[in-house]
Amino acid sequence: MQPKKIKGRIFIITGMSGAGKSQALKSFEDLGFYCIDNLPITLIPQFAGLIRDRRYLKNVALGIDIREGRFFKDFIRTLDNLGKLGLNYKIIFLDASDAVLMQRFSETRHRHPLGKNIAAAVKEERRILCDLKARANKVIDTSKLTLGELKEILSGALELKRTAEMKLSVISFGYKYGMPLDADIVMDVRFLPNPYYVPALKTKTGLDAAVGRYLSDKPGFRSFLSGYTEQIKNLLPLYIKEGKSYLTIAIGCTGGRHRSVYIASEMAKKLAAGGFSVSEFHRDIRK
């Protein structure tokens, strides 16, 4: 007999130390969630029972990190047991590049929870958390996010329903600034002529009509855009079947100002017109 589903939303906030878990929990608190930071994993089953008994405790965010030490290996099993209790949960995994994580620890002078050399600790923590990251419903790369942008992304996550609906994020980026860590699908559009080398377009971006006209007039561009968008649409049912609720599609060019921006914007419009829930973000457009 299947357990009765309990109404409400439970978010597990976890990820790399220094990636912004505390800021994420504060954002959830601002959004009306009951938040607990670093709840011992051994107490999660008891807390789950509390949620079942206190029906008014419907929106909960739990912060779990590597400080749990030897108990962390039991986390996956504990999460599986939540499902057996009829509790619906989603995992949000916060990540950042190794360089950014080390810089943050250096600037704050905080000691890494693993207590090692910072570079070695980051490497070891990434190894320990790889299985949990693979199970996450949403991975957020905070390397280049402001607190406001992080809160906006988290707010979008709360709109998800337990249906076949998938929340799509289409982002543009520049390869010279590094690939987004939270990308599920990456398309390199550096095969297109670069408007940067056209004097009249150099200071513009892919959101300017002149850049759009320049790229749209190139042979094969329209067929590429429509074909790639259709390919993404055809893949979505397969991702949904595998339990994905979020999908991040990253479009990259050299600097992240022209080609990737225009294509990401056009793709977002086409997907939204097809009835999909889509957000659009241009990471490097101001650089």
C-alpha atoms as a PDB file:
ATOM      1  CA  MET A   1       0.000   0.000   0.000  1.00  0.00           C
ATOM      2  CA  GLN A   2       1.378   3.369  -1.032  1.00  0.00           C
ATOM      3  CA  PRO A   3       1.790   5.933   1.802  1.00  0.00           C
ATOM      4  CA  LYS A   4      -0.574   8.871   1.777  1.00  0.00           C
ATOM      5  CA  LYS A   5       1.100  11.914   0.287  1.00  0.00           C
ATOM      6  CA  ILE A   6       1.503  14.813   2.699  1.00  0.00           C
ATOM      7  CA  LYS A   7       0.728  18.237   1.293  1.00  0.00           C
ATOM      8  CA  GLY A   8       3.456  20.825   1.527  1.00  0.00           C
ATOM      9  CA  ARG A   9       6.935  21.421   0.248  1.00  0.00           C
ATOM     10  CA  ILE A  10      10.221  20.199   1.703  1.00  0.00           C
ATOM     11  CA  PHE A  11      13.480  21.452   0.248  1.00  0.00           C
ATOM     12  CA  ILE A  12      16.832  19.946   1.182  1.00  0.00           C
ATOM     13  CA  ILE A  13      19.484  22.655   0.765  1.00  0.00           C
ATOM     14  CA  THR A  14      22.958  21.177   0.466  1.00  0.00           C
ATOM     15  CA  GLY A  15      26.122  21.424  -1.595  1.00  0.00           C
ATOM     16  CA  MET A  16      29.719  22.541  -1.403  1.00  0.00           C
ATOM     17  CA  SER A  17      30.897  24.421   1.684  1.00  0.00           C
ATOM     18  CA  GLY A  18      31.175  28.101   0.801  1.00  0.00           C
ATOM     19  CA  ALA A  19      28.698  27.875  -2.087  1.00  0.00           C
ATOM     20  CA  GLY A  20      26.003  29.901  -0.318  1.00  0.00           C
ATOM     21  CA  LYS A  21      23.837  27.505   1.682  1.00  0.00           C
ATOM     22  CA  SER A  22      23.297  29.980   4.527  1.00  0.00           C
ATOM     23  CA  GLN A  23      22.237  32.699   2.070  1.00  0.00           C
ATOM     24  CA  ALA A  24      19.885  30.250   0.367  1.00  0.00           C
ATOM     25  CA  LEU A  25      18.248  29.344   3.681  1.00  0.00           C
ATOM     26  CA  LYS A  26      17.775  33.032   4.471  1.00  0.00           C
ATOM     27  CA  SER A  27      16.045  33.426   1.117  1.00  0.00           C
ATOM     28  CA  PHE A  28      13.716  30.530   1.910  1.00  0.00           C
ATOM     29  CA  GLU A  29      12.999  32.101   5.290  1.00  0.00           C
ATOM     30  CA  ASP A  30      12.077  35.372   3.577  1.00  0.00           C
ATOM     31  CA  LEU A  31       9.719  33.359   1.392  1.00  0.00           C
ATOM     32  CA  GLY A  32       7.849  32.034   4.416  1.00  0.00           C
ATOM     33  CA  PHE A  33       9.572  28.679   4.939  1.00  0.00           C
ATOM     34  CA  TYR A  34      10.391  27.095   8.295  1.00  0.00           C
ATOM     35  CA  CYS A  35      14.170  26.706   8.052  1.00  0.00           C
ATOM     36  CA  ILE A  36      16.628  24.589  10.021  1.00  0.00           C
ATOM     37  CA  ASP A  37      20.356  24.784   9.353  1.00  0.00           C
ATOM     38  CA  ASN A  38      22.572  21.735   9.819  1.00  0.00           C
ATOM     39  CA  LEU A  39      19.903  19.421  11.214  1.00  0.00           C
ATOM     40  CA  PRO A  40      21.693  16.193  12.231  1.00  0.00           C
ATOM     41  CA  ILE A  41      20.891  13.475   9.721  1.00  0.00           C
ATOM     42  CA  THR A  42      19.988  11.069  12.510  1.00  0.00           C
ATOM     43  CA  LEU A  43      17.177  13.458  13.530  1.00  0.00           C
ATOM     44  CA  ILE A  44      15.620  13.781  10.063  1.00  0.00           C
ATOM     45  CA  PRO A  45      13.253  10.779  10.565  1.00  0.00           C
ATOM     46  CA  GLN A  46      11.957  12.293  13.835  1.00  0.00           C
ATOM     47  CA  PHE A  47      11.527  15.663  12.164  1.00  0.00           C
ATOM     48  CA  ALA A  48       9.681  13.960   9.293  1.00  0.00           C
ATOM     49  CA  GLY A  49       7.265  12.519  11.824  1.00  0.00           C
ATOM     50  CA  LEU A  50       6.767  15.993  13.252  1.00  0.00           C
ATOM     51  CA  ILE A  51       5.865  17.295   9.801  1.00  0.00           C
ATOM     52  CA  ARG A  52       3.303  14.517   9.396  1.00  0.00           C
ATOM     53  CA  ASP A  53       1.678  15.254  12.762  1.00  0.00           C
ATOM     54  CA  ARG A  54       1.703  19.044  12.568  1.00  0.00           C
ATOM     55  CA  ARG A  55      -0.262  19.644   9.402  1.00  0.00           C
ATOM     56  CA  TYR A  56       0.306  23.396   9.517  1.00  0.00           C
ATOM     57  CA  LEU A  57       4.068  22.868   9.106  1.00  0.00           C
ATOM     58  CA  LYS A  58       3.810  22.629   5.342  1.00  0.00           C
ATOM     59  CA  ASN A  59       6.790  24.533   3.930  1.00  0.00           C
ATOM     60  CA  VAL A  60      10.171  23.437   5.243  1.00  0.00           C
ATOM     61  CA  ALA A  61      13.783  23.996   4.151  1.00  0.00           C
ATOM     62  CA  LEU A  62      16.543  21.903   5.736  1.00  0.00           C
ATOM     63  CA  GLY A  63      20.224  22.816   5.437  1.00  0.00           C
ATOM     64  CA  ILE A  64      22.522  19.784   5.378  1.00  0.00           C
ATOM     65  CA  ASP A  65      26.270  19.922   4.771  1.00  0.00           C
ATOM     66  CA  ILE A  66      29.549  18.088   5.187  1.00  0.00           C
ATOM     67  CA  ARG A  67      29.728  18.986   8.884  1.00  0.00           C
ATOM     68  CA  GLU A  68      27.642  15.867   9.413  1.00  0.00           C
ATOM     69  CA  GLY A  69      30.888  13.905   9.058  1.00  0.00           C
ATOM     70  CA  ARG A  70      30.556  10.141   9.301  1.00  0.00           C
ATOM     71  CA  PHE A  71      26.760  10.324   9.380  1.00  0.00           C
ATOM     72  CA  PHE A  72      26.703  11.847   5.891  1.00  0.00           C
ATOM     73  CA  LYS A  73      27.042   8.439   4.240  1.00  0.00           C
ATOM     74  CA  ASP A  74      23.582   7.601   5.626  1.00  0.00           C
ATOM     75  CA  PHE A  75      21.996  10.661   4.031  1.00  0.00           C
ATOM     76  CA  ILE A  76      20.920   8.947   0.798  1.00  0.00           C
ATOM     77  CA  ARG A  77      19.230   6.148   2.732  1.00  0.00           C
ATOM     78  CA  THR A  78      17.500   8.705   4.947  1.00  0.00           C
ATOM     79  CA  LEU A  79      16.164  10.542   1.903  1.00  0.00           C
ATOM     80  CA  ASP A  80      14.765   7.302   0.508  1.00  0.00           C
ATOM     81  CA  ASN A  81      12.929   6.765   3.778  1.00  0.00           C
ATOM     82  CA  LEU A  82      11.280  10.188   3.480  1.00  0.00           C
ATOM     83  CA  GLY A  83       9.566   8.996   0.315  1.00  0.00           C
ATOM     84  CA  LYS A  84       8.313   5.913   2.125  1.00  0.00           C
ATOM     85  CA  LEU A  85       6.737   8.192   4.733  1.00  0.00           C
ATOM     86  CA  GLY A  86       4.789   9.988   2.007  1.00  0.00           C
ATOM     87  CA  LEU A  87       6.827  13.168   2.223  1.00  0.00           C
ATOM     88  CA  ASN A  88       7.637  14.924  -1.015  1.00  0.00           C
ATOM     89  CA  TYR A  89      11.028  16.618  -1.076  1.00  0.00           C
ATOM     90  CA  LYS A  90      13.336  18.264  -3.557  1.00  0.00           C
ATOM     91  CA  ILE A  91      17.107  18.623  -3.314  1.00  0.00           C
ATOM     92  CA  ILE A  92      18.791  21.899  -4.231  1.00  0.00           C
ATOM     93  CA  PHE A  93      22.564  21.521  -4.552  1.00  0.00           C
ATOM     94  CA  LEU A  94      24.651  24.703  -4.400  1.00  0.00           C
ATOM     95  CA  ASP A  95      27.978  24.617  -6.197  1.00  0.00           C
ATOM     96  CA  ALA A  96      30.734  26.967  -7.291  1.00  0.00           C
ATOM     97  CA  SER A  97      34.067  26.663  -9.040  1.00  0.00           C
ATOM     98  CA  ASP A  98      37.037  25.495  -6.970  1.00  0.00           C
ATOM     99  CA  ALA A  99      38.739  28.863  -7.465  1.00  0.00           C
ATOM    100  CA  VAL A 100      35.714  30.774  -6.156  1.00  0.00           C
ATOM    101  CA  LEU A 101      35.286  28.461  -3.161  1.00  0.00           C
ATOM    102  CA  MET A 102      38.933  28.826  -2.191  1.00  0.00           C
ATOM    103  CA  GLN A 103      38.730  32.608  -2.607  1.00  0.00           C
ATOM    104  CA  ARG A 104      35.675  32.786  -0.344  1.00  0.00           C
ATOM    105  CA  PHE A 105      37.366  30.774   2.397  1.00  0.00           C
ATOM    106  CA  SER A 106      40.459  32.921   2.062  1.00  0.00           C
ATOM    107  CA  GLU A 107      38.512  36.184   2.271  1.00  0.00           C
ATOM    108  CA  THR A 108      36.380  35.144   5.251  1.00  0.00           C
ATOM    109  CA  ARG A 109      39.227  33.255   6.963  1.00  0.00           C
ATOM    110  CA  HIS A 110      36.773  30.530   7.850  1.00  0.00           C
ATOM    111  CA  ARG A 111      38.076  27.034   8.441  1.00  0.00           C
ATOM    112  CA  HIS A 112      36.845  24.397   5.999  1.00  0.00           C
ATOM    113  CA  PRO A 113      34.668  21.774   7.744  1.00  0.00           C
ATOM    114  CA  LEU A 114      37.019  19.012   6.631  1.00  0.00           C
ATOM    115  CA  GLY A 115      39.872  20.780   8.392  1.00  0.00           C
ATOM    116  CA  LYS A 116      42.463  20.293   5.673  1.00  0.00           C
ATOM    117  CA  ASN A 117      44.382  22.526   3.315  1.00  0.00           C
ATOM    118  CA  ILE A 118      41.590  24.440   1.534  1.00  0.00           C
ATOM    119  CA  ALA A 119      42.450  23.155  -1.966  1.00  0.00           C
ATOM    120  CA  ALA A 120      42.648  19.548  -0.715  1.00  0.00           C
ATOM    121  CA  ALA A 121      39.463  19.953   1.329  1.00  0.00           C
ATOM    122  CA  VAL A 122      37.473  21.278  -1.647  1.00  0.00           C
ATOM    123  CA  LYS A 123      38.668  18.376  -3.800  1.00  0.00           C
ATOM    124  CA  GLU A 124      37.780  15.827  -1.113  1.00  0.00           C
ATOM    125  CA  GLU A 125      34.375  17.368  -0.432  1.00  0.00           C
ATOM    126  CA  ARG A 126      33.523  17.343  -4.147  1.00  0.00           C
ATOM    127  CA  ARG A 127      34.343  13.631  -4.248  1.00  0.00           C
ATOM    128  CA  ILE A 128      32.178  12.877  -1.202  1.00  0.00           C
ATOM    129  CA  LEU A 129      29.203  14.831  -2.528  1.00  0.00           C
ATOM    130  CA  CYS A 130      29.243  13.618  -6.143  1.00  0.00           C
ATOM    131  CA  ASP A 131      26.485  11.015  -5.619  1.00  0.00           C
ATOM    132  CA  LEU A 132      24.268  13.486  -3.805  1.00  0.00           C
ATOM    133  CA  LYS A 133      24.776  16.075  -6.536  1.00  0.00           C
ATOM    134  CA  ALA A 134      23.688  13.506  -9.118  1.00  0.00           C
ATOM    135  CA  ARG A 135      20.404  13.059  -7.223  1.00  0.00           C
ATOM    136  CA  ALA A 136      19.692  16.777  -6.922  1.00  0.00           C
ATOM    137  CA  ASN A 137      16.573  18.191  -8.555  1.00  0.00           C
ATOM    138  CA  LYS A 138      18.354  21.469  -9.125  1.00  0.00           C
ATOM    139  CA  VAL A 139      22.049  22.392  -9.170  1.00  0.00           C
ATOM    140  CA  ILE A 140      22.791  26.107  -8.817  1.00  0.00           C
ATOM    141  CA  ASP A 141      26.202  27.519  -9.679  1.00  0.00           C
ATOM    142  CA  THR A 142      26.686  30.519  -7.374  1.00  0.00           C
ATOM    143  CA  SER A 143      30.148  31.438  -8.682  1.00  0.00           C
ATOM    144  CA  LYS A 144      28.937  34.603 -10.388  1.00  0.00           C
ATOM    145  CA  LEU A 145      25.551  35.165  -8.721  1.00  0.00           C
ATOM    146  CA  THR A 146      24.623  38.105  -6.544  1.00  0.00           C
ATOM    147  CA  LEU A 147      22.392  37.451  -3.531  1.00  0.00           C
ATOM    148  CA  GLY A 148      19.497  38.984  -5.442  1.00  0.00           C
ATOM    149  CA  GLU A 149      20.023  36.677  -8.404  1.00  0.00           C
ATOM    150  CA  LEU A 150      20.242  33.634  -6.118  1.00  0.00           C
ATOM    151  CA  LYS A 151      16.967  34.559  -4.452  1.00  0.00           C
ATOM    152  CA  GLU A 152      15.331  35.009  -7.865  1.00  0.00           C
ATOM    153  CA  ILE A 153      16.430  31.523  -8.939  1.00  0.00           C
ATOM    154  CA  LEU A 154      15.160  30.010  -5.681  1.00  0.00           C
ATOM    155  CA  SER A 155      11.842  31.827  -6.059  1.00  0.00           C
ATOM    156  CA  GLY A 156      11.472  30.231  -9.475  1.00  0.00           C
ATOM    157  CA  ALA A 157      12.139  26.814  -7.957  1.00  0.00           C
ATOM    158  CA  LEU A 158       9.149  27.228  -5.641  1.00  0.00           C
ATOM    159  CA  GLU A 159       6.800  27.474  -8.621  1.00  0.00           C
ATOM    160  CA  LEU A 160       7.364  23.827  -9.521  1.00  0.00           C
ATOM    161  CA  LYS A 161       4.427  21.447  -9.229  1.00  0.00           C
ATOM    162  CA  ARG A 162       4.594  17.682  -8.846  1.00  0.00           C
ATOM    163  CA  THR A 163       3.416  17.114 -12.382  1.00  0.00           C
ATOM    164  CA  ALA A 164       5.052  16.523 -15.731  1.00  0.00           C
ATOM    165  CA  GLU A 165       5.748  20.276 -15.847  1.00  0.00           C
ATOM    166  CA  MET A 166       9.431  21.097 -16.070  1.00  0.00           C
ATOM    167  CA  LYS A 167      11.039  24.390 -15.199  1.00  0.00           C
ATOM    168  CA  LEU A 168      13.458  25.395 -17.965  1.00  0.00           C
ATOM    169  CA  SER A 169      16.311  27.862 -17.604  1.00  0.00           C
ATOM    170  CA  VAL A 170      18.022  29.132 -20.746  1.00  0.00           C
ATOM    171  CA  ILE A 171      21.249  30.962 -20.011  1.00  0.00           C
ATOM    172  CA  SER A 172      23.944  32.544 -22.139  1.00  0.00           C
ATOM    173  CA  PHE A 173      27.604  32.613 -21.151  1.00  0.00           C
ATOM    174  CA  GLY A 174      31.094  33.347 -22.437  1.00  0.00           C
ATOM    175  CA  TYR A 175      33.627  30.509 -22.614  1.00  0.00           C
ATOM    176  CA  LYS A 176      36.394  32.937 -21.653  1.00  0.00           C
ATOM    177  CA  TYR A 177      34.716  33.243 -18.231  1.00  0.00           C
ATOM    178  CA  GLY A 178      34.171  29.511 -17.741  1.00  0.00           C
ATOM    179  CA  MET A 179      31.271  27.150 -18.310  1.00  0.00           C
ATOM    180  CA  PRO A 180      28.259  27.225 -15.926  1.00  0.00           C
ATOM    181  CA  LEU A 181      28.527  24.375 -13.427  1.00  0.00           C
ATOM    182  CA  ASP A 182      24.765  23.955 -13.244  1.00  0.00           C
ATOM    183  CA  ALA A 183      24.235  23.408 -16.986  1.00  0.00           C
ATOM    184  CA  ASP A 184      22.475  20.191 -18.025  1.00  0.00           C
ATOM    185  CA  ILE A 185      22.810  20.815 -21.770  1.00  0.00           C
ATOM    186  CA  VAL A 186      25.495  22.997 -23.372  1.00  0.00           C
ATOM    187  CA  MET A 187      25.519  24.308 -26.941  1.00  0.00           C
ATOM    188  CA  ASP A 188      28.627  25.982 -28.372  1.00  0.00           C
ATOM    189  CA  VAL A 189      27.599  28.610 -30.962  1.00  0.00           C
ATOM    190  CA  ARG A 190      31.088  29.868 -31.783  1.00  0.00           C
ATOM    191  CA  PHE A 191      30.610  28.438 -35.282  1.00  0.00           C
ATOM    192  CA  LEU A 192      28.603  31.583 -36.086  1.00  0.00           C
ATOM    193  CA  PRO A 193      30.274  34.811 -37.307  1.00  0.00           C
ATOM    194  CA  ASN A 194      31.120  37.025 -34.345  1.00  0.00           C
ATOM    195  CA  PRO A 195      29.348  40.431 -34.338  1.00  0.00           C
ATOM    196  CA  TYR A 196      32.118  41.694 -32.047  1.00  0.00           C
ATOM    197  CA  TYR A 197      34.304  42.167 -35.122  1.00  0.00           C
ATOM    198  CA  VAL A 198      31.700  44.325 -36.867  1.00  0.00           C
ATOM    199  CA  PRO A 199      32.476  47.914 -35.775  1.00  0.00           C
ATOM    200  CA  ALA A 200      28.826  48.980 -35.673  1.00  0.00           C
ATOM    201  CA  LEU A 201      27.900  45.973 -33.497  1.00  0.00           C
ATOM    202  CA  LYS A 202      30.935  45.658 -31.222  1.00  0.00           C
ATOM    203  CA  THR A 203      29.466  47.630 -28.301  1.00  0.00           C
ATOM    204  CA  LYS A 204      25.960  46.206 -28.684  1.00  0.00           C
ATOM    205  CA  THR A 205      24.615  42.926 -27.278  1.00  0.00           C
ATOM    206  CA  GLY A 206      22.491  40.062 -28.520  1.00  0.00           C
ATOM    207  CA  LEU A 207      19.431  41.854 -27.150  1.00  0.00           C
ATOM    208  CA  ASP A 208      19.866  44.665 -29.696  1.00  0.00           C
ATOM    209  CA  ALA A 209      17.839  44.307 -32.877  1.00  0.00           C
ATOM    210  CA  ALA A 210      20.840  45.065 -35.094  1.00  0.00           C
ATOM    211  CA  VAL A 211      22.746  42.053 -33.750  1.00  0.00           C
ATOM    212  CA  GLY A 212      19.685  39.866 -34.211  1.00  0.00           C
ATOM    213  CA  ARG A 213      19.332  40.933 -37.848  1.00  0.00           C
ATOM    214  CA  TYR A 214      23.021  40.338 -38.480  1.00  0.00           C
ATOM    215  CA  LEU A 215      22.882  36.764 -37.181  1.00  0.00           C
ATOM    216  CA  SER A 216      19.464  35.913 -38.646  1.00  0.00           C
ATOM    217  CA  ASP A 217      20.678  36.795 -42.136  1.00  0.00           C
ATOM    218  CA  LYS A 218      23.529  34.252 -41.995  1.00  0.00           C
ATOM    219  CA  PRO A 219      22.960  31.125 -44.119  1.00  0.00           C
ATOM    220  CA  GLY A 220      21.595  28.229 -42.117  1.00  0.00           C
ATOM    221  CA  PHE A 221      20.972  30.224 -38.961  1.00  0.00           C
ATOM    222  CA  ARG A 222      17.178  29.951 -38.908  1.00  0.00           C
ATOM    223  CA  SER A 223      17.214  26.220 -39.637  1.00  0.00           C
ATOM    224  CA  PHE A 224      19.769  25.711 -36.856  1.00  0.00           C
ATOM    225  CA  LEU A 225      17.704  27.642 -34.307  1.00  0.00           C
ATOM    226  CA  SER A 226      14.425  25.902 -35.121  1.00  0.00           C
ATOM    227  CA  GLY A 227      16.085  22.485 -35.373  1.00  0.00           C
ATOM    228  CA  TYR A 228      17.933  22.796 -32.081  1.00  0.00           C
ATOM    229  CA  THR A 229      14.839  24.071 -30.292  1.00  0.00           C
ATOM    230  CA  GLU A 230      12.841  21.096 -31.576  1.00  0.00           C
ATOM    231  CA  GLN A 231      15.594  18.753 -30.436  1.00  0.00           C
ATOM    232  CA  ILE A 232      15.343  20.181 -26.915  1.00  0.00           C
ATOM    233  CA  LYS A 233      11.554  19.772 -26.952  1.00  0.00           C
ATOM    234  CA  ASN A 234      11.918  16.139 -27.981  1.00  0.00           C
ATOM    235  CA  LEU A 235      14.347  15.482 -25.135  1.00  0.00           C
ATOM    236  CA  LEU A 236      12.151  16.975 -22.398  1.00  0.00           C
ATOM    237  CA  PRO A 237       9.829  13.943 -21.992  1.00  0.00           C
ATOM    238  CA  LEU A 238      12.904  11.750 -21.511  1.00  0.00           C
ATOM    239  CA  TYR A 239      14.301  14.021 -18.792  1.00  0.00           C
ATOM    240  CA  ILE A 240      10.887  14.128 -17.102  1.00  0.00           C
ATOM    241  CA  LYS A 241      10.718  10.327 -17.201  1.00  0.00           C
ATOM    242  CA  GLU A 242      14.040  10.232 -15.347  1.00  0.00           C
ATOM    243  CA  GLY A 243      12.610  12.453 -12.615  1.00  0.00           C
ATOM    244  CA  LYS A 244      14.105  15.807 -13.638  1.00  0.00           C
ATOM    245  CA  SER A 245      12.010  18.807 -12.608  1.00  0.00           C
ATOM    246  CA  TYR A 246      14.510  21.467 -13.685  1.00  0.00           C
ATOM    247  CA  LEU A 247      16.601  21.695 -16.828  1.00  0.00           C
ATOM    248  CA  THR A 248      19.267  24.291 -17.510  1.00  0.00           C
ATOM    249  CA  ILE A 249      20.190  24.863 -21.153  1.00  0.00           C
ATOM    250  CA  ALA A 250      23.392  26.856 -21.583  1.00  0.00           C
ATOM    251  CA  ILE A 251      24.347  28.614 -24.817  1.00  0.00           C
ATOM    252  CA  GLY A 252      27.969  29.692 -25.076  1.00  0.00           C
ATOM    253  CA  CYS A 253      30.051  31.924 -27.299  1.00  0.00           C
ATOM    254  CA  THR A 254      33.429  33.564 -26.774  1.00  0.00           C
ATOM    255  CA  GLY A 255      32.506  36.555 -24.609  1.00  0.00           C
ATOM    256  CA  GLY A 256      28.858  35.889 -23.793  1.00  0.00           C
ATOM    257  CA  ARG A 257      27.609  39.228 -25.179  1.00  0.00           C
ATOM    258  CA  HIS A 258      26.417  38.686 -28.750  1.00  0.00           C
ATOM    259  CA  ARG A 259      25.785  35.264 -30.311  1.00  0.00           C
ATOM    260  CA  SER A 260      24.918  33.293 -27.187  1.00  0.00           C
ATOM    261  CA  VAL A 261      22.682  36.073 -25.872  1.00  0.00           C
ATOM    262  CA  TYR A 262      20.633  36.323 -29.051  1.00  0.00           C
ATOM    263  CA  ILE A 263      20.218  32.574 -29.452  1.00  0.00           C
ATOM    264  CA  ALA A 264      19.352  32.049 -25.783  1.00  0.00           C
ATOM    265  CA  SER A 265      16.770  34.812 -25.972  1.00  0.00           C
ATOM    266  CA  GLU A 266      15.194  33.440 -29.141  1.00  0.00           C
ATOM    267  CA  MET A 267      15.163  29.886 -27.765  1.00  0.00           C
ATOM    268  CA  ALA A 268      13.487  31.048 -24.557  1.00  0.00           C
ATOM    269  CA  LYS A 269      10.774  32.781 -26.589  1.00  0.00           C
ATOM    270  CA  LYS A 270      10.160  29.703 -28.734  1.00  0.00           C
ATOM    271  CA  LEU A 271       9.992  27.370 -25.734  1.00  0.00           C
ATOM    272  CA  ALA A 272       7.661  29.739 -23.875  1.00  0.00           C
ATOM    273  CA  ALA A 273       5.436  29.972 -26.952  1.00  0.00           C
ATOM    274  CA  GLY A 274       5.263  26.162 -26.868  1.00  0.00           C
ATOM    275  CA  GLY A 275       3.730  26.277 -23.399  1.00  0.00           C
ATOM    276  CA  PHE A 276       6.860  25.544 -21.379  1.00  0.00           C
ATOM    277  CA  SER A 277       7.789  27.345 -18.155  1.00  0.00           C
ATOM    278  CA  VAL A 278      10.988  29.196 -19.073  1.00  0.00           C
ATOM    279  CA  SER A 279      13.333  31.677 -17.421  1.00  0.00           C
ATOM    280  CA  GLU A 280      16.075  33.555 -19.274  1.00  0.00           C
ATOM    281  CA  PHE A 281      19.402  34.687 -17.848  1.00  0.00           C
ATOM    282  CA  HIS A 282      22.438  36.272 -19.522  1.00  0.00           C
ATOM    283  CA  ARG A 283      25.409  35.661 -17.228  1.00  0.00           C
ATOM    284  CA  ASP A 284      28.175  37.603 -18.944  1.00  0.00           C
ATOM    285  CA  ILE A 285      26.306  40.218 -20.972  1.00  0.00           C
ATOM    286  CA  ARG A 286      27.700  43.141 -18.952  1.00  0.00           C
ATOM    287  CA  LYS A 287      31.356  42.079 -19.129  1.00  0.00           C
END
